[in-house]
Amino acid sequence: MKKLRMGLKDYWENISDEKLKEVIKKASKTRESHCYYHSSLEVRFCSILESLNISFTRQYHINKNRHPYDFHLCDSKIIIEINGNFWHANPLYYQGNDIIKYPGGKKAAKEVWERDKKFIDWAEKNGYRVIVIWEDDFKKTDDELKDLLLNMLNNL
């Protein structure tokens, strides 16, 4: 596992600007009129929610906060965030002081975590419950992912 973490970390640290732009373009390929973009993980998660007959809203804003949350489950106060391992500095792969090369600058992993925590805290302060699903969870089959989601919802 440590070797895998180091390989992933090395990949993102050494990626060329050109390749990073290509990855970003691919991630934002699918667009909806009410969304700025969504990743392939979010597209798959939409299908999971639909198969479970769970109504949802994409790119949901709480009290006109600028941060769009990935999913809001309708008729509830539940938010679901889909966190990519790189973009959200998955703690399985990054240490707090690791520097991540993003377009337009670099950030320490702990800064990314603090930013994400700020958004979660805002949602909770406004009465919402937040579920975070990591990119690694998408290595599961659709049925396993459905079970994971249902277990998380039952444990709220």
Foldseek 3Di string as FASTA:
>chain_A
DLVVLVVVLVCQVPPDPVVQVVVVCQQFVDDDPVDSGGGPVLVVVVVLCVVVVFDWDAQDDDPPDPGGFGIDGPPAQETEHEAECQQQVPPVRFDQQDWGQDVPGIDGNVVSVVVVVVVCVVSVVVPHHYHYHYPVLVVDDSVSNSVVVVVVVVVD
